[in-house]
């Protein structure tokens, strides 16, 4: 694994996590899925960027890592990188329809 693949995994994890947690998605599919998930565990998962980034990062870590220790470290690193990107970007105003 090289740095380019790690960076690509972090960016991809941020993108997918942002889509699930913040955006409505194409044809409002993600918004409908979020409403359908409701207030239970799945709904809570789709409302928390930190939680969702962990689960989104897992397949990237499994694909990049060699051995369980590397996969565990990559899992946290990819999720952490996505969180750092999200915290560094300005937040859009409420009600902008994103």
PDB file of N, CA and C in Angstrom:
ATOM      1  N   UNK A   1       0.842  -1.178   0.000  1.00  0.00           N
ATOM      2  CA  UNK A   1       0.000   0.000   0.000  1.00  0.00           C
ATOM      3  C   UNK A   1       0.888   1.241   0.000  1.00  0.00           C
ATOM      4  N   UNK A   2       0.491   2.213  -0.791  1.00  0.00           N
ATOM      5  CA  UNK A   2       1.268   3.450  -0.814  1.00  0.00           C
ATOM      6  C   UNK A   2       0.409   4.616  -0.325  1.00  0.00           C
ATOM      7  N   UNK A   3       1.039   5.770  -0.200  1.00  0.00           N
ATOM      8  CA  UNK A   3       0.353   6.947   0.307  1.00  0.00           C
ATOM      9  C   UNK A   3      -0.790   7.415  -0.575  1.00  0.00           C
ATOM     10  N   UNK A   4      -0.661   7.205  -1.878  1.00  0.00           N
ATOM     11  CA  UNK A   4      -1.722   7.629  -2.797  1.00  0.00           C
ATOM     12  C   UNK A   4      -2.994   6.825  -2.532  1.00  0.00           C
ATOM     13  N   UNK A   5      -2.838   5.526  -2.313  1.00  0.00           N
ATOM     14  CA  UNK A   5      -4.008   4.685  -2.038  1.00  0.00           C
ATOM     15  C   UNK A   5      -4.632   5.035  -0.691  1.00  0.00           C
ATOM     16  N   UNK A   6      -3.809   5.348   0.301  1.00  0.00           N
ATOM     17  CA  UNK A   6      -4.335   5.759   1.600  1.00  0.00           C
ATOM     18  C   UNK A   6      -5.110   7.065   1.464  1.00  0.00           C
ATOM     19  N   UNK A   7      -4.545   8.026   0.744  1.00  0.00           N
ATOM     20  CA  UNK A   7      -5.238   9.292   0.525  1.00  0.00           C
ATOM     21  C   UNK A   7      -6.539   9.076  -0.243  1.00  0.00           C
ATOM     22  N   UNK A   8      -6.503   8.228  -1.259  1.00  0.00           N
ATOM     23  CA  UNK A   8      -7.718   7.932  -2.021  1.00  0.00           C
ATOM     24  C   UNK A   8      -8.770   7.284  -1.127  1.00  0.00           C
ATOM     25  N   UNK A   9      -8.368   6.382  -0.251  1.00  0.00           N
ATOM     26  CA  UNK A   9      -9.311   5.735   0.664  1.00  0.00           C
ATOM     27  C   UNK A   9      -9.918   6.744   1.630  1.00  0.00           C
ATOM     28  N   UNK A  10      -9.109   7.666   2.135  1.00  0.00           N
ATOM     29  CA  UNK A  10      -9.622   8.696   3.052  1.00  0.00           C
ATOM     30  C   UNK A  10     -10.627   9.592   2.333  1.00  0.00           C
ATOM     31  N   UNK A  11     -10.280  10.035   1.134  1.00  0.00           N
ATOM     32  CA  UNK A  11     -11.197  10.896   0.373  1.00  0.00           C
ATOM     33  C   UNK A  11     -12.486  10.161   0.018  1.00  0.00           C
ATOM     34  N   UNK A  12     -12.363   8.901  -0.381  1.00  0.00           N
ATOM     35  CA  UNK A  12     -13.554   8.120  -0.720  1.00  0.00           C
ATOM     36  C   UNK A  12     -14.421   7.891   0.514  1.00  0.00           C
ATOM     37  N   UNK A  13     -13.798   7.610   1.648  1.00  0.00           N
ATOM     38  CA  UNK A  13     -14.561   7.417   2.885  1.00  0.00           C
ATOM     39  C   UNK A  13     -15.279   8.704   3.275  1.00  0.00           C
ATOM     40  N   UNK A  14     -14.597   9.848   3.132  1.00  0.00           N
ATOM     41  CA  UNK A  14     -15.261  11.125   3.437  1.00  0.00           C
ATOM     42  C   UNK A  14     -16.465  11.326   2.503  1.00  0.00           C
ATOM     43  N   UNK A  15     -16.261  11.055   1.217  1.00  0.00           N
ATOM     44  CA  UNK A  15     -17.323  11.296   0.235  1.00  0.00           C
ATOM     45  C   UNK A  15     -18.553  10.444   0.519  1.00  0.00           C
ATOM     46  N   UNK A  16     -18.353   9.164   0.757  1.00  0.00           N
ATOM     47  CA  UNK A  16     -19.483   8.262   1.011  1.00  0.00           C
ATOM     48  C   UNK A  16     -20.155   8.617   2.340  1.00  0.00           C
ATOM     49  N   UNK A  17     -19.351   8.896   3.365  1.00  0.00           N
ATOM     50  CA  UNK A  17     -19.915   9.267   4.664  1.00  0.00           C
ATOM     51  C   UNK A  17     -20.709  10.561   4.561  1.00  0.00           C
ATOM     52  N   UNK A  18     -20.183  11.545   3.853  1.00  0.00           N
ATOM     53  CA  UNK A  18     -20.890  12.817   3.672  1.00  0.00           C
ATOM     54  C   UNK A  18     -22.202  12.588   2.933  1.00  0.00           C
ATOM     55  N   UNK A  19     -22.189  11.744   1.930  1.00  0.00           N
ATOM     56  CA  UNK A  19     -23.412  11.430   1.193  1.00  0.00           C
ATOM     57  C   UNK A  19     -24.462  10.831   2.121  1.00  0.00           C
ATOM     58  N   UNK A  20     -24.061   9.886   2.946  1.00  0.00           N
ATOM     59  CA  UNK A  20     -25.012   9.203   3.829  1.00  0.00           C
ATOM     60  C   UNK A  20     -25.548  10.126   4.913  1.00  0.00           C
ATOM     61  N   UNK A  21     -24.685  10.921   5.531  1.00  0.00           N
ATOM     62  CA  UNK A  21     -25.068  11.702   6.708  1.00  0.00           C
ATOM     63  C   UNK A  21     -25.664  13.056   6.357  1.00  0.00           C
ATOM     64  N   UNK A  22     -25.138  13.721   5.326  1.00  0.00           N
ATOM     65  CA  UNK A  22     -25.490  15.120   5.089  1.00  0.00           C
ATOM     66  C   UNK A  22     -26.391  15.324   3.879  1.00  0.00           C
ATOM     67  N   UNK A  23     -26.134  14.610   2.797  1.00  0.00           N
ATOM     68  CA  UNK A  23     -26.797  14.905   1.532  1.00  0.00           C
ATOM     69  C   UNK A  23     -28.099  14.139   1.357  1.00  0.00           C
ATOM     70  N   UNK A  24     -28.917  14.614   0.446  1.00  0.00           N
ATOM     71  CA  UNK A  24     -30.164  13.934   0.114  1.00  0.00           C
ATOM     72  C   UNK A  24     -29.952  12.845  -0.925  1.00  0.00           C
ATOM     73  N   UNK A  25     -28.895  12.967  -1.696  1.00  0.00           N
ATOM     74  CA  UNK A  25     -28.590  11.966  -2.710  1.00  0.00           C
ATOM     75  C   UNK A  25     -29.361  12.197  -3.983  1.00  0.00           C
ATOM     76  N   UNK A  26     -29.002  11.450  -5.017  1.00  0.00           N
ATOM     77  CA  UNK A  26     -29.727  11.594  -6.284  1.00  0.00           C
ATOM     78  C   UNK A  26     -31.182  11.142  -6.114  1.00  0.00           C
ATOM     79  N   UNK A  27     -32.074  11.929  -6.657  1.00  0.00           N
ATOM     80  CA  UNK A  27     -33.519  11.664  -6.584  1.00  0.00           C
ATOM     81  C   UNK A  27     -33.998  11.491  -5.142  1.00  0.00           C
ATOM     82  N   UNK A  28     -33.306  12.117  -4.197  1.00  0.00           N
ATOM     83  CA  UNK A  28     -33.635  12.046  -2.767  1.00  0.00           C
ATOM     84  C   UNK A  28     -33.594  10.626  -2.202  1.00  0.00           C
ATOM     85  N   UNK A  29     -32.840   9.738  -2.829  1.00  0.00           N
ATOM     86  CA  UNK A  29     -32.789   8.350  -2.378  1.00  0.00           C
ATOM     87  C   UNK A  29     -32.212   8.222  -0.971  1.00  0.00           C
ATOM     88  N   UNK A  30     -31.147   8.948  -0.690  1.00  0.00           N
ATOM     89  CA  UNK A  30     -30.519   8.843   0.631  1.00  0.00           C
ATOM     90  C   UNK A  30     -31.425   9.464   1.692  1.00  0.00           C
ATOM     91  N   UNK A  31     -32.077  10.564   1.365  1.00  0.00           N
ATOM     92  CA  UNK A  31     -33.007  11.185   2.317  1.00  0.00           C
ATOM     93  C   UNK A  31     -34.160  10.238   2.641  1.00  0.00           C
ATOM     94  N   UNK A  32     -34.675   9.550   1.626  1.00  0.00           N
ATOM     95  CA  UNK A  32     -35.760   8.589   1.865  1.00  0.00           C
ATOM     96  C   UNK A  32     -35.270   7.412   2.691  1.00  0.00           C
ATOM     97  N   UNK A  33     -34.065   6.944   2.403  1.00  0.00           N
ATOM     98  CA  UNK A  33     -33.488   5.854   3.190  1.00  0.00           C
ATOM     99  C   UNK A  33     -33.307   6.283   4.640  1.00  0.00           C
ATOM    100  N   UNK A  34     -32.839   7.506   4.848  1.00  0.00           N
ATOM    101  CA  UNK A  34     -32.654   8.041   6.196  1.00  0.00           C
ATOM    102  C   UNK A  34     -33.991   8.117   6.936  1.00  0.00           C
ATOM    103  N   UNK A  35     -35.050   8.599   6.249  1.00  0.00           N
ATOM    104  CA  UNK A  35     -36.378   8.655   6.871  1.00  0.00           C
ATOM    105  C   UNK A  35     -36.893   7.261   7.191  1.00  0.00           C
ATOM    106  N   UNK A  36     -36.665   6.323   6.276  1.00  0.00           N
ATOM    107  CA  UNK A  36     -37.120   4.951   6.482  1.00  0.00           C
ATOM    108  C   UNK A  36     -36.393   4.302   7.664  1.00  0.00           C
ATOM    109  N   UNK A  37     -35.134   4.653   7.860  1.00  0.00           N
ATOM    110  CA  UNK A  37     -34.357   4.101   8.979  1.00  0.00           C
ATOM    111  C   UNK A  37     -34.912   4.564  10.316  1.00  0.00           C
ATOM    112  N   UNK A  38     -35.541   5.748  10.324  1.00  0.00           N
ATOM    113  CA  UNK A  38     -36.211   6.238  11.521  1.00  0.00           C
ATOM    114  C   UNK A  38     -35.271   6.602  12.648  1.00  0.00           C
ATOM    115  N   UNK A  39     -35.797   6.458  13.872  1.00  0.00           N
ATOM    116  CA  UNK A  39     -35.057   6.876  15.061  1.00  0.00           C
ATOM    117  C   UNK A  39     -34.353   5.707  15.735  1.00  0.00           C
ATOM    118  N   UNK A  40     -34.330   4.555  15.109  1.00  0.00           N
ATOM    119  CA  UNK A  40     -33.660   3.393  15.691  1.00  0.00           C
ATOM    120  C   UNK A  40     -32.160   3.429  15.478  1.00  0.00           C
ATOM    121  N   UNK A  41     -31.551   2.281  15.643  1.00  0.00           N
ATOM    122  CA  UNK A  41     -30.094   2.176  15.532  1.00  0.00           C
ATOM    123  C   UNK A  41     -29.611   2.562  14.139  1.00  0.00           C
ATOM    124  N   UNK A  42     -30.303   2.114  13.083  1.00  0.00           N
ATOM    125  CA  UNK A  42     -29.890   2.451  11.710  1.00  0.00           C
ATOM    126  C   UNK A  42     -30.035   3.948  11.460  1.00  0.00           C
ATOM    127  N   UNK A  43     -31.101   4.544  11.953  1.00  0.00           N
ATOM    128  CA  UNK A  43     -31.289   5.983  11.796  1.00  0.00           C
ATOM    129  C   UNK A  43     -30.229   6.775  12.524  1.00  0.00           C
ATOM    130  N   UNK A  44     -29.889   6.331  13.739  1.00  0.00           N
ATOM    131  CA  UNK A  44     -28.824   6.994  14.495  1.00  0.00           C
ATOM    132  C   UNK A  44     -27.493   6.887  13.769  1.00  0.00           C
ATOM    133  N   UNK A  45     -27.240   5.719  13.170  1.00  0.00           N
ATOM    134  CA  UNK A  45     -25.998   5.522  12.426  1.00  0.00           C
ATOM    135  C   UNK A  45     -25.903   6.499  11.257  1.00  0.00           C
ATOM    136  N   UNK A  46     -27.011   6.773  10.612  1.00  0.00           N
ATOM    137  CA  UNK A  46     -27.006   7.652   9.439  1.00  0.00           C
ATOM    138  C   UNK A  46     -27.005   9.135   9.808  1.00  0.00           C
ATOM    139  N   UNK A  47     -27.123   9.445  11.088  1.00  0.00           N
ATOM    140  CA  UNK A  47     -27.112  10.838  11.538  1.00  0.00           C
ATOM    141  C   UNK A  47     -25.771  11.276  12.118  1.00  0.00           C
ATOM    142  N   UNK A  48     -24.906  10.334  12.421  1.00  0.00           N
ATOM    143  CA  UNK A  48     -23.644  10.640  13.095  1.00  0.00           C
ATOM    144  C   UNK A  48     -22.477  10.452  12.127  1.00  0.00           C
ATOM    145  N   UNK A  49     -21.792  11.544  11.785  1.00  0.00           N
ATOM    146  CA  UNK A  49     -20.669  11.453  10.856  1.00  0.00           C
ATOM    147  C   UNK A  49     -19.573  10.555  11.412  1.00  0.00           C
ATOM    148  N   UNK A  50     -19.270  10.686  12.694  1.00  0.00           N
ATOM    149  CA  UNK A  50     -18.190   9.896  13.291  1.00  0.00           C
ATOM    150  C   UNK A  50     -18.514   8.402  13.226  1.00  0.00           C
ATOM    151  N   UNK A  51     -19.725   8.032  13.607  1.00  0.00           N
ATOM    152  CA  UNK A  51     -20.129   6.615  13.589  1.00  0.00           C
ATOM    153  C   UNK A  51     -20.127   6.061  12.173  1.00  0.00           C
ATOM    154  N   UNK A  52     -20.737   6.794  11.272  1.00  0.00           N
ATOM    155  CA  UNK A  52     -20.844   6.324   9.893  1.00  0.00           C
ATOM    156  C   UNK A  52     -19.472   6.196   9.251  1.00  0.00           C
ATOM    157  N   UNK A  53     -18.560   7.124   9.569  1.00  0.00           N
ATOM    158  CA  UNK A  53     -17.228   7.052   8.956  1.00  0.00           C
ATOM    159  C   UNK A  53     -16.497   5.779   9.375  1.00  0.00           C
ATOM    160  N   UNK A  54     -16.737   5.302  10.572  1.00  0.00           N
ATOM    161  CA  UNK A  54     -16.115   4.042  10.996  1.00  0.00           C
ATOM    162  C   UNK A  54     -16.560   2.887  10.107  1.00  0.00           C
ATOM    163  N   UNK A  55     -17.847   2.797   9.855  1.00  0.00           N
ATOM    164  CA  UNK A  55     -18.360   1.662   9.070  1.00  0.00           C
ATOM    165  C   UNK A  55     -18.052   1.812   7.588  1.00  0.00           C
ATOM    166  N   UNK A  56     -18.001   3.033   7.120  1.00  0.00           N
ATOM    167  CA  UNK A  56     -17.628   3.250   5.714  1.00  0.00           C
ATOM    168  C   UNK A  56     -16.146   2.942   5.508  1.00  0.00           C
ATOM    169  N   UNK A  57     -15.312   3.265   6.487  1.00  0.00           N
ATOM    170  CA  UNK A  57     -13.869   3.044   6.369  1.00  0.00           C
ATOM    171  C   UNK A  57     -13.485   1.568   6.415  1.00  0.00           C
ATOM    172  N   UNK A  58     -14.300   0.740   7.029  1.00  0.00           N
ATOM    173  CA  UNK A  58     -13.946  -0.672   7.228  1.00  0.00           C
ATOM    174  C   UNK A  58     -13.618  -1.413   5.932  1.00  0.00           C
ATOM    175  N   UNK A  59     -14.463  -1.338   4.889  1.00  0.00           N
ATOM    176  CA  UNK A  59     -14.100  -2.078   3.672  1.00  0.00           C
ATOM    177  C   UNK A  59     -12.840  -1.548   2.987  1.00  0.00           C
ATOM    178  N   UNK A  60     -12.596  -0.251   3.083  1.00  0.00           N
ATOM    179  CA  UNK A  60     -11.358   0.303   2.513  1.00  0.00           C
ATOM    180  C   UNK A  60     -10.149  -0.259   3.254  1.00  0.00           C
ATOM    181  N   UNK A  61     -10.238  -0.315   4.579  1.00  0.00           N
ATOM    182  CA  UNK A  61      -9.134  -0.846   5.376  1.00  0.00           C
ATOM    183  C   UNK A  61      -8.892  -2.317   5.063  1.00  0.00           C
ATOM    184  N   UNK A  62      -9.955  -3.078   4.933  1.00  0.00           N
ATOM    185  CA  UNK A  62      -9.809  -4.501   4.611  1.00  0.00           C
ATOM    186  C   UNK A  62      -9.181  -4.699   3.236  1.00  0.00           C
ATOM    187  N   UNK A  63      -9.500  -3.809   2.312  1.00  0.00           N
ATOM    188  CA  UNK A  63      -8.938  -3.915   0.973  1.00  0.00           C
ATOM    189  C   UNK A  63      -7.478  -3.509   0.885  1.00  0.00           C
ATOM    190  N   UNK A  64      -7.072  -2.613   1.764  1.00  0.00           N
ATOM    191  CA  UNK A  64      -5.697  -2.094   1.696  1.00  0.00           C
ATOM    192  C   UNK A  64      -4.719  -2.790   2.632  1.00  0.00           C
ATOM    193  N   UNK A  65      -5.221  -3.306   3.742  1.00  0.00           N
ATOM    194  CA  UNK A  65      -4.330  -3.829   4.772  1.00  0.00           C
ATOM    195  C   UNK A  65      -3.851  -5.241   4.513  1.00  0.00           C
ATOM    196  N   UNK A  66      -2.668  -5.520   5.045  1.00  0.00           N
ATOM    197  CA  UNK A  66      -2.111  -6.871   5.040  1.00  0.00           C
ATOM    198  C   UNK A  66      -2.033  -7.335   6.489  1.00  0.00           C
ATOM    199  N   UNK A  67      -2.916  -8.207   6.881  1.00  0.00           N
ATOM    200  CA  UNK A  67      -2.931  -8.692   8.263  1.00  0.00           C
ATOM    201  C   UNK A  67      -3.896  -7.896   9.115  1.00  0.00           C
ATOM    202  N   UNK A  68      -4.263  -8.489  10.236  1.00  0.00           N
ATOM    203  CA  UNK A  68      -5.291  -7.882  11.077  1.00  0.00           C
ATOM    204  C   UNK A  68      -4.837  -6.574  11.715  1.00  0.00           C
ATOM    205  N   UNK A  69      -3.580  -6.485  12.120  1.00  0.00           N
ATOM    206  CA  UNK A  69      -3.105  -5.255  12.770  1.00  0.00           C
ATOM    207  C   UNK A  69      -3.105  -4.089  11.786  1.00  0.00           C
ATOM    208  N   UNK A  70      -2.618  -4.315  10.582  1.00  0.00           N
ATOM    209  CA  UNK A  70      -2.609  -3.257   9.563  1.00  0.00           C
ATOM    210  C   UNK A  70      -4.033  -2.838   9.224  1.00  0.00           C
ATOM    211  N   UNK A  71      -4.947  -3.798   9.112  1.00  0.00           N
ATOM    212  CA  UNK A  71      -6.346  -3.471   8.815  1.00  0.00           C
ATOM    213  C   UNK A  71      -6.969  -2.637   9.935  1.00  0.00           C
ATOM    214  N   UNK A  72      -6.678  -3.006  11.182  1.00  0.00           N
ATOM    215  CA  UNK A  72      -7.225  -2.248  12.318  1.00  0.00           C
ATOM    216  C   UNK A  72      -6.679  -0.818  12.329  1.00  0.00           C
ATOM    217  N   UNK A  73      -5.390  -0.672  12.084  1.00  0.00           N
ATOM    218  CA  UNK A  73      -4.793   0.672  12.065  1.00  0.00           C
ATOM    219  C   UNK A  73      -5.342   1.493  10.902  1.00  0.00           C
ATOM    220  N   UNK A  74      -5.450   0.881   9.737  1.00  0.00           N
ATOM    221  CA  UNK A  74      -5.998   1.579   8.578  1.00  0.00           C
ATOM    222  C   UNK A  74      -7.453   1.960   8.791  1.00  0.00           C
ATOM    223  N   UNK A  75      -8.222   1.100   9.418  1.00  0.00           N
ATOM    224  CA  UNK A  75      -9.632   1.372   9.693  1.00  0.00           C
ATOM    225  C   UNK A  75      -9.774   2.677  10.467  1.00  0.00           C
ATOM    226  N   UNK A  76      -9.007   2.795  11.550  1.00  0.00           N
ATOM    227  CA  UNK A  76      -9.079   4.011  12.361  1.00  0.00           C
ATOM    228  C   UNK A  76      -8.475   5.213  11.638  1.00  0.00           C
ATOM    229  N   UNK A  77      -7.400   4.996  10.893  1.00  0.00           N
ATOM    230  CA  UNK A  77      -6.748   6.097  10.178  1.00  0.00           C
ATOM    231  C   UNK A  77      -7.645   6.654   9.075  1.00  0.00           C
ATOM    232  N   UNK A  78      -8.296   5.795   8.333  1.00  0.00           N
ATOM    233  CA  UNK A  78      -9.173   6.251   7.248  1.00  0.00           C
ATOM    234  C   UNK A  78     -10.370   6.991   7.821  1.00  0.00           C
ATOM    235  N   UNK A  79     -10.976   6.439   8.877  1.00  0.00           N
ATOM    236  CA  UNK A  79     -12.089   7.127   9.532  1.00  0.00           C
ATOM    237  C   UNK A  79     -11.632   8.469  10.098  1.00  0.00           C
ATOM    238  N   UNK A  80     -10.491   8.481  10.765  1.00  0.00           N
ATOM    239  CA  UNK A  80      -9.955   9.725  11.330  1.00  0.00           C
ATOM    240  C   UNK A  80      -9.655  10.757  10.260  1.00  0.00           C
ATOM    241  N   UNK A  81      -9.103  10.315   9.138  1.00  0.00           N
ATOM    242  CA  UNK A  81      -8.846  11.239   8.035  1.00  0.00           C
ATOM    243  C   UNK A  81     -10.122  11.848   7.487  1.00  0.00           C
ATOM    244  N   UNK A  82     -11.164  11.039   7.352  1.00  0.00           N
ATOM    245  CA  UNK A  82     -12.458  11.552   6.878  1.00  0.00           C
ATOM    246  C   UNK A  82     -13.025  12.571   7.864  1.00  0.00           C
ATOM    247  N   UNK A  83     -12.875  12.305   9.140  1.00  0.00           N
ATOM    248  CA  UNK A  83     -13.366  13.233  10.172  1.00  0.00           C
ATOM    249  C   UNK A  83     -12.577  14.541  10.135  1.00  0.00           C
ATOM    250  N   UNK A  84     -11.268  14.461   9.967  1.00  0.00           N
ATOM    251  CA  UNK A  84     -10.448  15.674   9.886  1.00  0.00           C
ATOM    252  C   UNK A  84     -10.867  16.526   8.694  1.00  0.00           C
ATOM    253  N   UNK A  85     -11.092  15.893   7.551  1.00  0.00           N
ATOM    254  CA  UNK A  85     -11.553  16.636   6.366  1.00  0.00           C
ATOM    255  C   UNK A  85     -12.886  17.302   6.658  1.00  0.00           C
ATOM    256  N   UNK A  86     -13.806  16.553   7.249  1.00  0.00           N
ATOM    257  CA  UNK A  86     -15.128  17.106   7.519  1.00  0.00           C
ATOM    258  C   UNK A  86     -15.065  18.289   8.484  1.00  0.00           C
ATOM    259  N   UNK A  87     -14.245  18.182   9.493  1.00  0.00           N
ATOM    260  CA  UNK A  87     -14.128  19.275  10.465  1.00  0.00           C
ATOM    261  C   UNK A  87     -13.424  20.491   9.882  1.00  0.00           C
ATOM    262  N   UNK A  88     -12.553  20.277   8.888  1.00  0.00           N
ATOM    263  CA  UNK A  88     -11.803  21.384   8.294  1.00  0.00           C
ATOM    264  C   UNK A  88     -12.636  22.186   7.296  1.00  0.00           C
ATOM    265  N   UNK A  89     -13.657  21.570   6.728  1.00  0.00           N
ATOM    266  CA  UNK A  89     -14.470  22.256   5.718  1.00  0.00           C
ATOM    267  C   UNK A  89     -15.534  23.116   6.376  1.00  0.00           C
ATOM    268  N   UNK A  90     -15.845  24.265   5.784  1.00  0.00           N
ATOM    269  CA  UNK A  90     -16.917  25.094   6.356  1.00  0.00           C
ATOM    270  C   UNK A  90     -18.265  24.400   6.199  1.00  0.00           C
ATOM    271  N   UNK A  91     -19.104  24.601   7.183  1.00  0.00           N
ATOM    272  CA  UNK A  91     -20.439  24.001   7.141  1.00  0.00           C
ATOM    273  C   UNK A  91     -21.382  24.911   6.377  1.00  0.00           C
ATOM    274  N   UNK A  92     -22.230  24.332   5.494  1.00  0.00           N
ATOM    275  CA  UNK A  92     -23.205  25.157   4.775  1.00  0.00           C
ATOM    276  C   UNK A  92     -24.273  25.658   5.741  1.00  0.00           C
ATOM    277  N   UNK A  93     -24.925  26.762   5.397  1.00  0.00           N
ATOM    278  CA  UNK A  93     -25.995  27.256   6.255  1.00  0.00           C
ATOM    279  C   UNK A  93     -27.140  26.248   6.310  1.00  0.00           C
ATOM    280  N   UNK A  94     -27.862  26.258   7.421  1.00  0.00           N
ATOM    281  CA  UNK A  94     -29.001  25.355   7.588  1.00  0.00           C
ATOM    282  C   UNK A  94     -30.057  25.615   6.533  1.00  0.00           C
ATOM    283  N   UNK A  95     -30.662  24.523   6.047  1.00  0.00           N
ATOM    284  CA  UNK A  95     -31.767  24.661   5.097  1.00  0.00           C
ATOM    285  C   UNK A  95     -31.352  24.985   3.679  1.00  0.00           C
ATOM    286  N   UNK A  96     -30.114  24.634   3.290  1.00  0.00           N
ATOM    287  CA  UNK A  96     -29.675  24.968   1.932  1.00  0.00           C
ATOM    288  C   UNK A  96     -30.081  23.901   0.920  1.00  0.00           C
ATOM    289  N   UNK A  97     -30.666  22.775   1.408  1.00  0.00           N
ATOM    290  CA  UNK A  97     -31.170  21.758   0.477  1.00  0.00           C
ATOM    291  C   UNK A  97     -30.126  20.822  -0.054  1.00  0.00           C
ATOM    292  N   UNK A  98     -28.950  20.746   0.602  1.00  0.00           N
ATOM    293  CA  UNK A  98     -27.904  19.846   0.100  1.00  0.00           C
ATOM    294  C   UNK A  98     -28.235  18.403   0.375  1.00  0.00           C
TER     295      UNK A  98
END
